[in-house]
Amino acid sequence: MARKIFSMMIVLTIVAAVGTVPSIAQISSHDNTTVLTVQDNGPVDFVNAQPIDLPQSLRGGDELLALLSRVDLGTPGYLPGGQGDGDISPEFVGAPAKRSALDEVSRQEFGTSGHPFSTARADLLFGGPNLGGPAATNTLSPYRASGKLFFNIGGSTFLCSASLIKPGVVVTAAHCVAAYGQSQFYNSWQFIPGYRNGSAPFGTWTVQTAIILTAYFNGTDNCTVFGVVCPDDVAVLVLSDKNGFYPGLHTGWYGYGWNGFGFSGSLTHVSQIGYPVCLDNGLLMERNDSQGFVDTSLSNNTIIGSLMCGGSSGGPWLVNFGIRPTLTGTTSGADPDPNVVVGVTSWGYTNPAIKEQGASPFTSGNILGLVNVACILVPGACS
């Protein structure tokens, strides 16, 4: 079935052209990456921020079954995350009452692509006045390492999603950092881990360094759909410390994997976190779970079913999400390490009925190089 192609990135690049252009002295190159040393940490409009348009692309999942052949993604690898001390101590809320198994049975949601998914609020309240007050899941591990990202393009504030993968290093989509092929950065990023309805439970953190691959920055990334479906729509931001401390001390941080870590052939299972404005007005953290597959015709991007939309850009795609259970009478499967980011939300479809999204793959050629440069430039953010 033919579907219309429309790249929302066209709108973004036009807006960016009238924004603040960093001086040459602020931009440098390091091992195939382009680095912005942030000097403009001007105010952002937290109240009226707009979602950055989720790049839109061309095709649904009609060919899903035909695309499930094994893909050689290279030698898989990963680095573990950290737990953090929590800062806010969670309260015991009691064991849930037993339910009938029939209460848990329902149809799975999916769009015209036929790609099943389950999307729901990640941000729930547990407990009550008799248990020391409610504890929101956005303040609990592993959710709290995810957050909302605000930044300016010209005179307007936009928003994406992002997550910590080192104590002071955030991963997001490159299109939340720069306009593809325009050699221009956006500015004034502020990251709020665990954001909830205007609240910043772990504080607000400005950015000192933005890093993307030079191929994305100058528009030579060999994208299947120009500036939309790309091999390297990935960026990292180094946060500014507060008296030598970074948010990961309290929130913890995710691990990150590359070259097919967590995949079985071309398949994986993804938990997606983000703040899409089409769900709860972007005020609450949302979670989506879906089977993902590698589409070799779309820059080896991973494709999942999802209800998310603009504002979810840059949010983490995790394998083995959650608190690892104690094994009793069984053994671990392959790649059992928990809470490993293997991609970030990159794009969606112009037709909202399709309900699929894509992510550039994390590879040894993008995420490893980006984080390595970040840790060389600001070692304290990585330890």
Foldseek 3Di string as FASTA:
>chain_A
DWDDFDFLLVVVVVLLVQADFDDPVQWDDDDQKIKGQADDQDDADPPPAAFRFFTAGIDFQQCVVVQFAFDQLDDKDKDFWWAAPLVDDDWDQDDDDDDDPVVVDDDFDAFPNPFGKDKDFQWDWGHDPVGVHTDTCLSHPPNQQKWKKWFDRHHHIYIAIWGFAFLFKIKFFLSQFARFQPLGGTHNMKTAGSFAQNDRPLDIWTFRMKMFRVCRNNQNQPFLPGRFLGQGRMIMTGTDADVLGGSCNNNIGGMAMASQQQADRFKHKWKWWWQACVPPNSRGIMIMIGIWGQGVSGNRWIKTFALGGGRQGTTFIFHQEDDDDDDDPDDDDGNNRHRYGFFGFGHYHPDSRSRMTITNGHHCSTPVVNVVVVCVVPVSRHD
